[in-house]
Amino acid sequence: LLKMAGTVRRGWFHGVCFAVHRSVFEAIGFPDTDRRLGGHEDM
């Protein structure tokens, strides 16, 4: 953390852990619940 603090990859997040602000759900809805996406829901 001492070395990486302040580093940002804009335009990318990953499915292991991602935090979504409430306003995003209001804007585009919730993650897709379609089981055929298995493993691709985050993308």
ModelCIF file with pLDDT and N, C-alpha, C, O atoms, coordinates in Angstrom:
data_MODEL
#
_entry.id   MODEL 
#
_entity.id                         1 
_entity.type                       polymer 
_entity.pdbx_number_of_molecules   1 
#
_entity_poly.entity_id                      1 
_entity_poly.type                           'polypeptide(L)' 
_entity_poly.nstd_linkage                   no 
_entity_poly.nstd_monomer                   no 
_entity_poly.pdbx_seq_one_letter_code       LLKMAGTVRRGWFHGVCFAVHRSVFEAIGFPDTDRRLGGHEDM 
_entity_poly.pdbx_seq_one_letter_code_can   LLKMAGTVRRGWFHGVCFAVHRSVFEAIGFPDTDRRLGGHEDM 
_entity_poly.pdbx_strand_id                 A 
#
loop_
_entity_poly_seq.entity_id 
_entity_poly_seq.num 
_entity_poly_seq.mon_id 
_entity_poly_seq.hetero 
1 1  LEU n 
1 2  LEU n 
1 3  LYS n 
1 4  MET n 
1 5  ALA n 
1 6  GLY n 
1 7  THR n 
1 8  VAL n 
1 9  ARG n 
1 10 ARG n 
1 11 GLY n 
1 12 TRP n 
1 13 PHE n 
1 14 HIS n 
1 15 GLY n 
1 16 VAL n 
1 17 CYS n 
1 18 PHE n 
1 19 ALA n 
1 20 VAL n 
1 21 HIS n 
1 22 ARG n 
1 23 SER n 
1 24 VAL n 
1 25 PHE n 
1 26 GLU n 
1 27 ALA n 
1 28 ILE n 
1 29 GLY n 
1 30 PHE n 
1 31 PRO n 
1 32 ASP n 
1 33 THR n 
1 34 ASP n 
1 35 ARG n 
1 36 ARG n 
1 37 LEU n 
1 38 GLY n 
1 39 GLY n 
1 40 HIS n 
1 41 GLU n 
1 42 ASP n 
1 43 MET n 
#
_struct_asym.id          A 
_struct_asym.entity_id   1 
#
loop_
_ma_qa_metric.id 
_ma_qa_metric.mode 
_ma_qa_metric.name 
_ma_qa_metric.software_group_id 
_ma_qa_metric.type 
1 global pLDDT . pLDDT 
2 local  pLDDT . pLDDT 
#
_ma_qa_metric_global.metric_id      1 
_ma_qa_metric_global.metric_value   95.67 
_ma_qa_metric_global.model_id       1 
_ma_qa_metric_global.ordinal_id     1 
#
loop_
_ma_qa_metric_local.label_asym_id 
_ma_qa_metric_local.label_comp_id 
_ma_qa_metric_local.label_seq_id 
_ma_qa_metric_local.metric_id 
_ma_qa_metric_local.metric_value 
_ma_qa_metric_local.model_id 
_ma_qa_metric_local.ordinal_id 
A LEU 1  2 98.00 1 1  
A LEU 2  2 98.00 1 2  
A LYS 3  2 98.00 1 3  
A MET 4  2 98.00 1 4  
A ALA 5  2 97.00 1 5  
A GLY 6  2 98.00 1 6  
A THR 7  2 98.00 1 7  
A VAL 8  2 98.00 1 8  
A ARG 9  2 98.00 1 9  
A ARG 10 2 98.00 1 10 
A GLY 11 2 97.00 1 11 
A TRP 12 2 97.00 1 12 
A PHE 13 2 98.00 1 13 
A HIS 14 2 97.00 1 14 
A GLY 15 2 96.00 1 15 
A VAL 16 2 97.00 1 16 
A CYS 17 2 98.00 1 17 
A PHE 18 2 98.00 1 18 
A ALA 19 2 98.00 1 19 
A VAL 20 2 98.00 1 20 
A HIS 21 2 98.00 1 21 
A ARG 22 2 97.00 1 22 
A SER 23 2 98.00 1 23 
A VAL 24 2 98.00 1 24 
A PHE 25 2 98.00 1 25 
A GLU 26 2 97.00 1 26 
A ALA 27 2 98.00 1 27 
A ILE 28 2 98.00 1 28 
A GLY 29 2 97.00 1 29 
A PHE 30 2 97.00 1 30 
A PRO 31 2 96.00 1 31 
A ASP 32 2 94.00 1 32 
A THR 33 2 93.00 1 33 
A ASP 34 2 92.00 1 34 
A ARG 35 2 90.00 1 35 
A ARG 36 2 89.00 1 36 
A LEU 37 2 89.00 1 37 
A GLY 38 2 82.00 1 38 
A GLY 39 2 85.00 1 39 
A HIS 40 2 91.00 1 40 
A GLU 41 2 94.00 1 41 
A ASP 42 2 96.00 1 42 
A MET 43 2 94.00 1 43 
#
loop_
_atom_site.group_PDB 
_atom_site.id 
_atom_site.type_symbol 
_atom_site.label_atom_id 
_atom_site.label_alt_id 
_atom_site.label_comp_id 
_atom_site.label_asym_id 
_atom_site.label_entity_id 
_atom_site.label_seq_id 
_atom_site.pdbx_PDB_ins_code 
_atom_site.Cartn_x 
_atom_site.Cartn_y 
_atom_site.Cartn_z 
_atom_site.occupancy 
_atom_site.B_iso_or_equiv 
_atom_site.pdbx_formal_charge 
_atom_site.auth_seq_id 
_atom_site.auth_comp_id 
_atom_site.auth_asym_id 
_atom_site.auth_atom_id 
_atom_site.pdbx_PDB_model_num 
ATOM 1   N N  . LEU A 1 1  ? 0.817   -1.211  0.000   1.00 98.00 ? 1  LEU A N  1 
ATOM 2   C CA . LEU A 1 1  ? 0.000   0.000   0.000   1.00 98.00 ? 1  LEU A CA 1 
ATOM 3   C C  . LEU A 1 1  ? 0.850   1.260   0.000   1.00 98.00 ? 1  LEU A C  1 
ATOM 4   O O  . LEU A 1 1  ? 0.467   2.256   -0.614  1.00 98.00 ? 1  LEU A O  1 
ATOM 5   N N  . LEU A 1 2  ? 1.981   1.240   0.666   1.00 98.00 ? 2  LEU A N  1 
ATOM 6   C CA . LEU A 1 2  ? 2.875   2.400   0.661   1.00 98.00 ? 2  LEU A CA 1 
ATOM 7   C C  . LEU A 1 2  ? 3.337   2.729   -0.758  1.00 98.00 ? 2  LEU A C  1 
ATOM 8   O O  . LEU A 1 2  ? 3.478   3.898   -1.117  1.00 98.00 ? 2  LEU A O  1 
ATOM 9   N N  . LYS A 1 3  ? 3.568   1.705   -1.549  1.00 98.00 ? 3  LYS A N  1 
ATOM 10  C CA . LYS A 1 3  ? 4.051   1.907   -2.915  1.00 98.00 ? 3  LYS A CA 1 
ATOM 11  C C  . LYS A 1 3  ? 2.932   2.196   -3.911  1.00 98.00 ? 3  LYS A C  1 
ATOM 12  O O  . LYS A 1 3  ? 3.145   2.892   -4.903  1.00 98.00 ? 3  LYS A O  1 
ATOM 13  N N  . MET A 1 4  ? 1.745   1.664   -3.646  1.00 98.00 ? 4  MET A N  1 
ATOM 14  C CA . MET A 1 4  ? 0.680   1.733   -4.648  1.00 98.00 ? 4  MET A CA 1 
ATOM 15  C C  . MET A 1 4  ? -0.397  2.776   -4.358  1.00 98.00 ? 4  MET A C  1 
ATOM 16  O O  . MET A 1 4  ? -1.245  3.031   -5.213  1.00 98.00 ? 4  MET A O  1 
ATOM 17  N N  . ALA A 1 5  ? -0.381  3.383   -3.172  1.00 97.00 ? 5  ALA A N  1 
ATOM 18  C CA . ALA A 1 5  ? -1.395  4.388   -2.839  1.00 97.00 ? 5  ALA A CA 1 
ATOM 19  C C  . ALA A 1 5  ? -1.402  5.495   -3.887  1.00 97.00 ? 5  ALA A C  1 
ATOM 20  O O  . ALA A 1 5  ? -0.347  5.995   -4.277  1.00 97.00 ? 5  ALA A O  1 
ATOM 21  N N  . GLY A 1 6  ? -2.574  5.869   -4.332  1.00 98.00 ? 6  GLY A N  1 
ATOM 22  C CA . GLY A 1 6  ? -2.717  6.911   -5.338  1.00 98.00 ? 6  GLY A CA 1 
ATOM 23  C C  . GLY A 1 6  ? -2.765  6.387   -6.764  1.00 98.00 ? 6  GLY A C  1 
ATOM 24  O O  . GLY A 1 6  ? -3.107  7.131   -7.683  1.00 98.00 ? 6  GLY A O  1 
ATOM 25  N N  . THR A 1 7  ? -2.425  5.111   -6.962  1.00 98.00 ? 7  THR A N  1 
ATOM 26  C CA . THR A 1 7  ? -2.469  4.513   -8.294  1.00 98.00 ? 7  THR A CA 1 
ATOM 27  C C  . THR A 1 7  ? -3.912  4.181   -8.668  1.00 98.00 ? 7  THR A C  1 
ATOM 28  O O  . THR A 1 7  ? -4.670  3.665   -7.846  1.00 98.00 ? 7  THR A O  1 
ATOM 29  N N  . VAL A 1 8  ? -4.286  4.478   -9.910  1.00 98.00 ? 8  VAL A N  1 
ATOM 30  C CA . VAL A 1 8  ? -5.658  4.221   -10.364 1.00 98.00 ? 8  VAL A CA 1 
ATOM 31  C C  . VAL A 1 8  ? -5.635  3.661   -11.781 1.00 98.00 ? 8  VAL A C  1 
ATOM 32  O O  . VAL A 1 8  ? -4.931  4.180   -12.648 1.00 98.00 ? 8  VAL A O  1 
ATOM 33  N N  . ARG A 1 9  ? -6.394  2.617   -12.010 1.00 98.00 ? 9  ARG A N  1 
ATOM 34  C CA . ARG A 1 9  ? -6.696  2.158   -13.367 1.00 98.00 ? 9  ARG A CA 1 
ATOM 35  C C  . ARG A 1 9  ? -8.122  2.609   -13.665 1.00 98.00 ? 9  ARG A C  1 
ATOM 36  O O  . ARG A 1 9  ? -9.082  1.940   -13.283 1.00 98.00 ? 9  ARG A O  1 
ATOM 37  N N  . ARG A 1 10 ? -8.256  3.731   -14.340 1.00 98.00 ? 10 ARG A N  1 
ATOM 38  C CA . ARG A 1 10 ? -9.593  4.230   -14.667 1.00 98.00 ? 10 ARG A CA 1 
ATOM 39  C C  . ARG A 1 10 ? -10.196 3.426   -15.812 1.00 98.00 ? 10 ARG A C  1 
ATOM 40  O O  . ARG A 1 10 ? -9.505  3.054   -16.760 1.00 98.00 ? 10 ARG A O  1 
ATOM 41  N N  . GLY A 1 11 ? -11.488 3.168   -15.706 1.00 97.00 ? 11 GLY A N  1 
ATOM 42  C CA . GLY A 1 11 ? -12.179 2.424   -16.741 1.00 97.00 ? 11 GLY A CA 1 
ATOM 43  C C  . GLY A 1 11 ? -12.166 0.923   -16.532 1.00 97.00 ? 11 GLY A C  1 
ATOM 44  O O  . GLY A 1 11 ? -12.479 0.163   -17.448 1.00 97.00 ? 11 GLY A O  1 
ATOM 45  N N  . TRP A 1 12 ? -11.803 0.489   -15.325 1.00 97.00 ? 12 TRP A N  1 
ATOM 46  C CA . TRP A 1 12 ? -11.726 -0.953  -15.078 1.00 97.00 ? 12 TRP A CA 1 
ATOM 47  C C  . TRP A 1 12 ? -12.062 -1.269  -13.628 1.00 97.00 ? 12 TRP A C  1 
ATOM 48  O O  . TRP A 1 12 ? -11.631 -0.557  -12.721 1.00 97.00 ? 12 TRP A O  1 
ATOM 49  N N  . PHE A 1 13 ? -12.833 -2.338  -13.404 1.00 98.00 ? 13 PHE A N  1 
ATOM 50  C CA . PHE A 1 13 ? -12.972 -2.947  -12.083 1.00 98.00 ? 13 PHE A CA 1 
ATOM 51  C C  . PHE A 1 13 ? -13.063 -4.450  -12.274 1.00 98.00 ? 13 PHE A C  1 
ATOM 52  O O  . PHE A 1 13 ? -13.276 -4.916  -13.393 1.00 98.00 ? 13 PHE A O  1 
ATOM 53  N N  . HIS A 1 14 ? -12.906 -5.212  -11.208 1.00 97.00 ? 14 HIS A N  1 
ATOM 54  C CA . HIS A 1 14 ? -12.906 -6.671  -11.315 1.00 97.00 ? 14 HIS A CA 1 
ATOM 55  C C  . HIS A 1 14 ? -13.948 -7.286  -10.392 1.00 97.00 ? 14 HIS A C  1 
ATOM 56  O O  . HIS A 1 14 ? -14.384 -6.668  -9.421  1.00 97.00 ? 14 HIS A O  1 
ATOM 57  N N  . GLY A 1 15 ? -14.336 -8.515  -10.712 1.00 96.00 ? 15 GLY A N  1 
ATOM 58  C CA . GLY A 1 15 ? -15.440 -9.168  -10.015 1.00 96.00 ? 15 GLY A CA 1 
ATOM 59  C C  . GLY A 1 15 ? -15.098 -9.758  -8.666  1.00 96.00 ? 15 GLY A C  1 
ATOM 60  O O  . GLY A 1 15 ? -16.000 -10.171 -7.937  1.00 96.00 ? 15 GLY A O  1 
ATOM 61  N N  . VAL A 1 16 ? -13.814 -9.814  -8.305  1.00 97.00 ? 16 VAL A N  1 
ATOM 62  C CA . VAL A 1 16 ? -13.456 -10.350 -6.978  1.00 97.00 ? 16 VAL A CA 1 
ATOM 63  C C  . VAL A 1 16 ? -13.992 -9.441  -5.886  1.00 97.00 ? 16 VAL A C  1 
ATOM 64  O O  . VAL A 1 16 ? -14.490 -9.910  -4.863  1.00 97.00 ? 16 VAL A O  1 
ATOM 65  N N  . CYS A 1 17 ? -13.886 -8.141  -6.111  1.00 98.00 ? 17 CYS A N  1 
ATOM 66  C CA . CYS A 1 17 ? -14.427 -7.154  -5.174  1.00 98.00 ? 17 CYS A CA 1 
ATOM 67  C C  . CYS A 1 17 ? -14.695 -5.872  -5.942  1.00 98.00 ? 17 CYS A C  1 
ATOM 68  O O  . CYS A 1 17 ? -13.775 -5.281  -6.507  1.00 98.00 ? 17 CYS A O  1 
ATOM 69  N N  . PHE A 1 18 ? -15.946 -5.439  -5.967  1.00 98.00 ? 18 PHE A N  1 
ATOM 70  C CA . PHE A 1 18 ? -16.235 -4.121  -6.524  1.00 98.00 ? 18 PHE A CA 1 
ATOM 71  C C  . PHE A 1 18 ? -17.385 -3.486  -5.747  1.00 98.00 ? 18 PHE A C  1 
ATOM 72  O O  . PHE A 1 18 ? -18.406 -4.113  -5.467  1.00 98.00 ? 18 PHE A O  1 
ATOM 73  N N  . ALA A 1 19 ? -17.172 -2.224  -5.414  1.00 98.00 ? 19 ALA A N  1 
ATOM 74  C CA . ALA A 1 19 ? -18.161 -1.465  -4.645  1.00 98.00 ? 19 ALA A CA 1 
ATOM 75  C C  . ALA A 1 19 ? -18.936 -0.570  -5.597  1.00 98.00 ? 19 ALA A C  1 
ATOM 76  O O  . ALA A 1 19 ? -18.351 0.126   -6.427  1.00 98.00 ? 19 ALA A O  1 
ATOM 77  N N  . VAL A 1 20 ? -20.240 -0.593  -5.471  1.00 98.00 ? 20 VAL A N  1 
ATOM 78  C CA . VAL A 1 20 ? -21.121 0.146   -6.374  1.00 98.00 ? 20 VAL A CA 1 
ATOM 79  C C  . VAL A 1 20 ? -21.879 1.197   -5.560  1.00 98.00 ? 20 VAL A C  1 
ATOM 80  O O  . VAL A 1 20 ? -22.529 0.877   -4.564  1.00 98.00 ? 20 VAL A O  1 
ATOM 81  N N  . HIS A 1 21 ? -21.786 2.449   -5.996  1.00 98.00 ? 21 HIS A N  1 
ATOM 82  C CA . HIS A 1 21 ? -22.531 3.507   -5.324  1.00 98.00 ? 21 HIS A CA 1 
ATOM 83  C C  . HIS A 1 21 ? -24.014 3.392   -5.650  1.00 98.00 ? 21 HIS A C  1 
ATOM 84  O O  . HIS A 1 21 ? -24.385 2.991   -6.753  1.00 98.00 ? 21 HIS A O  1 
ATOM 85  N N  . ARG A 1 22 ? -24.838 3.737   -4.708  1.00 97.00 ? 22 ARG A N  1 
ATOM 86  C CA . ARG A 1 22 ? -26.289 3.627   -4.865  1.00 97.00 ? 22 ARG A CA 1 
ATOM 87  C C  . ARG A 1 22 ? -26.786 4.307   -6.145  1.00 97.00 ? 22 ARG A C  1 
ATOM 88  O O  . ARG A 1 22 ? -27.733 3.834   -6.774  1.00 97.00 ? 22 ARG A O  1 
ATOM 89  N N  . SER A 1 23 ? -26.156 5.398   -6.521  1.00 98.00 ? 23 SER A N  1 
ATOM 90  C CA . SER A 1 23 ? -26.605 6.142   -7.706  1.00 98.00 ? 23 SER A CA 1 
ATOM 91  C C  . SER A 1 23 ? -26.458 5.335   -8.989  1.00 98.00 ? 23 SER A C  1 
ATOM 92  O O  . SER A 1 23 ? -27.180 5.579   -9.956  1.00 98.00 ? 23 SER A O  1 
ATOM 93  N N  . VAL A 1 24 ? -25.532 4.376   -9.015  1.00 98.00 ? 24 VAL A N  1 
ATOM 94  C CA . VAL A 1 24 ? -25.335 3.562   -10.216 1.00 98.00 ? 24 VAL A CA 1 
ATOM 95  C C  . VAL A 1 24 ? -26.526 2.637   -10.432 1.00 98.00 ? 24 VAL A C  1 
ATOM 96  O O  . VAL A 1 24 ? -26.987 2.466   -11.560 1.00 98.00 ? 24 VAL A O  1 
ATOM 97  N N  . PHE A 1 25 ? -27.020 2.044   -9.359  1.00 98.00 ? 25 PHE A N  1 
ATOM 98  C CA . PHE A 1 25 ? -28.207 1.195   -9.481  1.00 98.00 ? 25 PHE A CA 1 
ATOM 99  C C  . PHE A 1 25 ? -29.390 2.005   -10.011 1.00 98.00 ? 25 PHE A C  1 
ATOM 100 O O  . PHE A 1 25 ? -30.191 1.509   -10.803 1.00 98.00 ? 25 PHE A O  1 
ATOM 101 N N  . GLU A 1 26 ? -29.484 3.242   -9.569  1.00 97.00 ? 26 GLU A N  1 
ATOM 102 C CA . GLU A 1 26 ? -30.578 4.096   -10.031 1.00 97.00 ? 26 GLU A CA 1 
ATOM 103 C C  . GLU A 1 26 ? -30.418 4.447   -11.508 1.00 97.00 ? 26 GLU A C  1 
ATOM 104 O O  . GLU A 1 26 ? -31.405 4.644   -12.217 1.00 97.00 ? 26 GLU A O  1 
ATOM 105 N N  . ALA A 1 27 ? -29.160 4.524   -11.968 1.00 98.00 ? 27 ALA A N  1 
ATOM 106 C CA . ALA A 1 27 ? -28.904 4.935   -13.354 1.00 98.00 ? 27 ALA A CA 1 
ATOM 107 C C  . ALA A 1 27 ? -29.019 3.785   -14.349 1.00 98.00 ? 27 ALA A C  1 
ATOM 108 O O  . ALA A 1 27 ? -29.622 3.947   -15.410 1.00 98.00 ? 27 ALA A O  1 
ATOM 109 N N  . ILE A 1 28 ? -28.441 2.609   -14.018 1.00 98.00 ? 28 ILE A N  1 
ATOM 110 C CA . ILE A 1 28 ? -28.393 1.527   -15.018 1.00 98.00 ? 28 ILE A CA 1 
ATOM 111 C C  . ILE A 1 28 ? -28.967 0.206   -14.508 1.00 98.00 ? 28 ILE A C  1 
ATOM 112 O O  . ILE A 1 28 ? -28.976 -0.785  -15.238 1.00 98.00 ? 28 ILE A O  1 
ATOM 113 N N  . GLY A 1 29 ? -29.441 0.182   -13.276 1.00 97.00 ? 29 GLY A N  1 
ATOM 114 C CA . GLY A 1 29 ? -30.021 -1.042  -12.744 1.00 97.00 ? 29 GLY A CA 1 
ATOM 115 C C  . GLY A 1 29 ? -28.996 -1.927  -12.051 1.00 97.00 ? 29 GLY A C  1 
ATOM 116 O O  . GLY A 1 29 ? -27.888 -1.492  -11.737 1.00 97.00 ? 29 GLY A O  1 
ATOM 117 N N  . PHE A 1 30 ? -29.384 -3.165  -11.821 1.00 97.00 ? 30 PHE A N  1 
ATOM 118 C CA . PHE A 1 30 ? -28.604 -4.109  -11.020 1.00 97.00 ? 30 PHE A CA 1 
ATOM 119 C C  . PHE A 1 30 ? -27.854 -5.098  -11.910 1.00 97.00 ? 30 PHE A C  1 
ATOM 120 O O  . PHE A 1 30 ? -28.128 -5.182  -13.107 1.00 97.00 ? 30 PHE A O  1 
ATOM 121 N N  . PRO A 1 31 ? -26.915 -5.844  -11.340 1.00 96.00 ? 31 PRO A N  1 
ATOM 122 C CA . PRO A 1 31 ? -26.246 -6.888  -12.132 1.00 96.00 ? 31 PRO A CA 1 
ATOM 123 C C  . PRO A 1 31 ? -27.243 -7.853  -12.743 1.00 96.00 ? 31 PRO A C  1 
ATOM 124 O O  . PRO A 1 31 ? -28.300 -8.121  -12.172 1.00 96.00 ? 31 PRO A O  1 
ATOM 125 N N  . ASP A 1 32 ? -26.894 -8.373  -13.913 1.00 94.00 ? 32 ASP A N  1 
ATOM 126 C CA . ASP A 1 32 ? -27.771 -9.303  -14.632 1.00 94.00 ? 32 ASP A CA 1 
ATOM 127 C C  . ASP A 1 32 ? -27.838 -10.627 -13.876 1.00 94.00 ? 32 ASP A C  1 
ATOM 128 O O  . ASP A 1 32 ? -26.810 -11.151 -13.448 1.00 94.00 ? 32 ASP A O  1 
ATOM 129 N N  . THR A 1 33 ? -29.025 -11.157 -13.713 1.00 93.00 ? 33 THR A N  1 
ATOM 130 C CA . THR A 1 33 ? -29.222 -12.402 -12.972 1.00 93.00 ? 33 THR A CA 1 
ATOM 131 C C  . THR A 1 33 ? -29.298 -13.630 -13.873 1.00 93.00 ? 33 THR A C  1 
ATOM 132 O O  . THR A 1 33 ? -29.578 -14.729 -13.394 1.00 93.00 ? 33 THR A O  1 
ATOM 133 N N  . ASP A 1 34 ? -29.053 -13.461 -15.171 1.00 92.00 ? 34 ASP A N  1 
ATOM 134 C CA . ASP A 1 34 ? -29.127 -14.562 -16.136 1.00 92.00 ? 34 ASP A CA 1 
ATOM 135 C C  . ASP A 1 34 ? -28.029 -15.577 -15.833 1.00 92.00 ? 34 ASP A C  1 
ATOM 136 O O  . ASP A 1 34 ? -26.847 -15.242 -15.897 1.00 92.00 ? 34 ASP A O  1 
ATOM 137 N N  . ARG A 1 35 ? -28.407 -16.819 -15.501 1.00 90.00 ? 35 ARG A N  1 
ATOM 138 C CA . ARG A 1 35 ? -27.424 -17.841 -15.136 1.00 90.00 ? 35 ARG A CA 1 
ATOM 139 C C  . ARG A 1 35 ? -26.514 -18.231 -16.304 1.00 90.00 ? 35 ARG A C  1 
ATOM 140 O O  . ARG A 1 35 ? -25.426 -18.761 -16.081 1.00 90.00 ? 35 ARG A O  1 
ATOM 141 N N  . ARG A 1 36 ? -26.938 -17.979 -17.533 1.00 89.00 ? 36 ARG A N  1 
ATOM 142 C CA . ARG A 1 36 ? -26.096 -18.324 -18.675 1.00 89.00 ? 36 ARG A CA 1 
ATOM 143 C C  . ARG A 1 36 ? -24.855 -17.443 -18.779 1.00 89.00 ? 36 ARG A C  1 
ATOM 144 O O  . ARG A 1 36 ? -23.942 -17.734 -19.553 1.00 89.00 ? 36 ARG A O  1 
ATOM 145 N N  . LEU A 1 37 ? -24.826 -16.364 -17.994 1.00 89.00 ? 37 LEU A N  1 
ATOM 146 C CA . LEU A 1 37 ? -23.650 -15.501 -17.971 1.00 89.00 ? 37 LEU A CA 1 
ATOM 147 C C  . LEU A 1 37 ? -22.575 -16.030 -17.034 1.00 89.00 ? 37 LEU A C  1 
ATOM 148 O O  . LEU A 1 37 ? -21.502 -15.433 -16.944 1.00 89.00 ? 37 LEU A O  1 
ATOM 149 N N  . GLY A 1 38 ? -22.825 -17.129 -16.334 1.00 82.00 ? 38 GLY A N  1 
ATOM 150 C CA . GLY A 1 38 ? -21.951 -17.644 -15.284 1.00 82.00 ? 38 GLY A CA 1 
ATOM 151 C C  . GLY A 1 38 ? -20.480 -17.321 -15.468 1.00 82.00 ? 38 GLY A C  1 
ATOM 152 O O  . GLY A 1 38 ? -19.851 -17.821 -16.401 1.00 82.00 ? 38 GLY A O  1 
ATOM 153 N N  . GLY A 1 39 ? -19.917 -16.489 -14.590 1.00 85.00 ? 39 GLY A N  1 
ATOM 154 C CA . GLY A 1 39 ? -18.527 -16.096 -14.671 1.00 85.00 ? 39 GLY A CA 1 
ATOM 155 C C  . GLY A 1 39 ? -18.289 -14.807 -15.426 1.00 85.00 ? 39 GLY A C  1 
ATOM 156 O O  . GLY A 1 39 ? -17.179 -14.275 -15.397 1.00 85.00 ? 39 GLY A O  1 
ATOM 157 N N  . HIS A 1 40 ? -19.316 -14.283 -16.110 1.00 91.00 ? 40 HIS A N  1 
ATOM 158 C CA . HIS A 1 40 ? -19.161 -13.054 -16.892 1.00 91.00 ? 40 HIS A CA 1 
ATOM 159 C C  . HIS A 1 40 ? -20.031 -11.910 -16.371 1.00 91.00 ? 40 HIS A C  1 
ATOM 160 O O  . HIS A 1 40 ? -20.124 -10.862 -17.009 1.00 91.00 ? 40 HIS A O  1 
ATOM 161 N N  . GLU A 1 41 ? -20.668 -12.106 -15.214 1.00 94.00 ? 41 GLU A N  1 
ATOM 162 C CA . GLU A 1 41 ? -21.583 -11.084 -14.709 1.00 94.00 ? 41 GLU A CA 1 
ATOM 163 C C  . GLU A 1 41 ? -20.882 -9.751  -14.440 1.00 94.00 ? 41 GLU A C  1 
ATOM 164 O O  . GLU A 1 41 ? -21.444 -8.683  -14.681 1.00 94.00 ? 41 GLU A O  1 
ATOM 165 N N  . ASP A 1 42 ? -19.638 -9.831  -13.933 1.00 96.00 ? 42 ASP A N  1 
ATOM 166 C CA . ASP A 1 42 ? -18.909 -8.603  -13.634 1.00 96.00 ? 42 ASP A CA 1 
ATOM 167 C C  . ASP A 1 42 ? -18.564 -7.842  -14.908 1.00 96.00 ? 42 ASP A C  1 
ATOM 168 O O  . ASP A 1 42 ? -18.691 -6.618  -14.953 1.00 96.00 ? 42 ASP A O  1 
ATOM 169 N N  . MET A 1 43 ? -18.126 -8.558  -15.944 1.00 94.00 ? 43 MET A N  1 
ATOM 170 C CA . MET A 1 43 ? -17.779 -7.903  -17.205 1.00 94.00 ? 43 MET A CA 1 
ATOM 171 C C  . MET A 1 43 ? -19.001 -7.284  -17.868 1.00 94.00 ? 43 MET A C  1 
ATOM 172 O O  . MET A 1 43 ? -18.887 -6.691  -18.941 1.00 94.00 ? 43 MET A O  1 
#
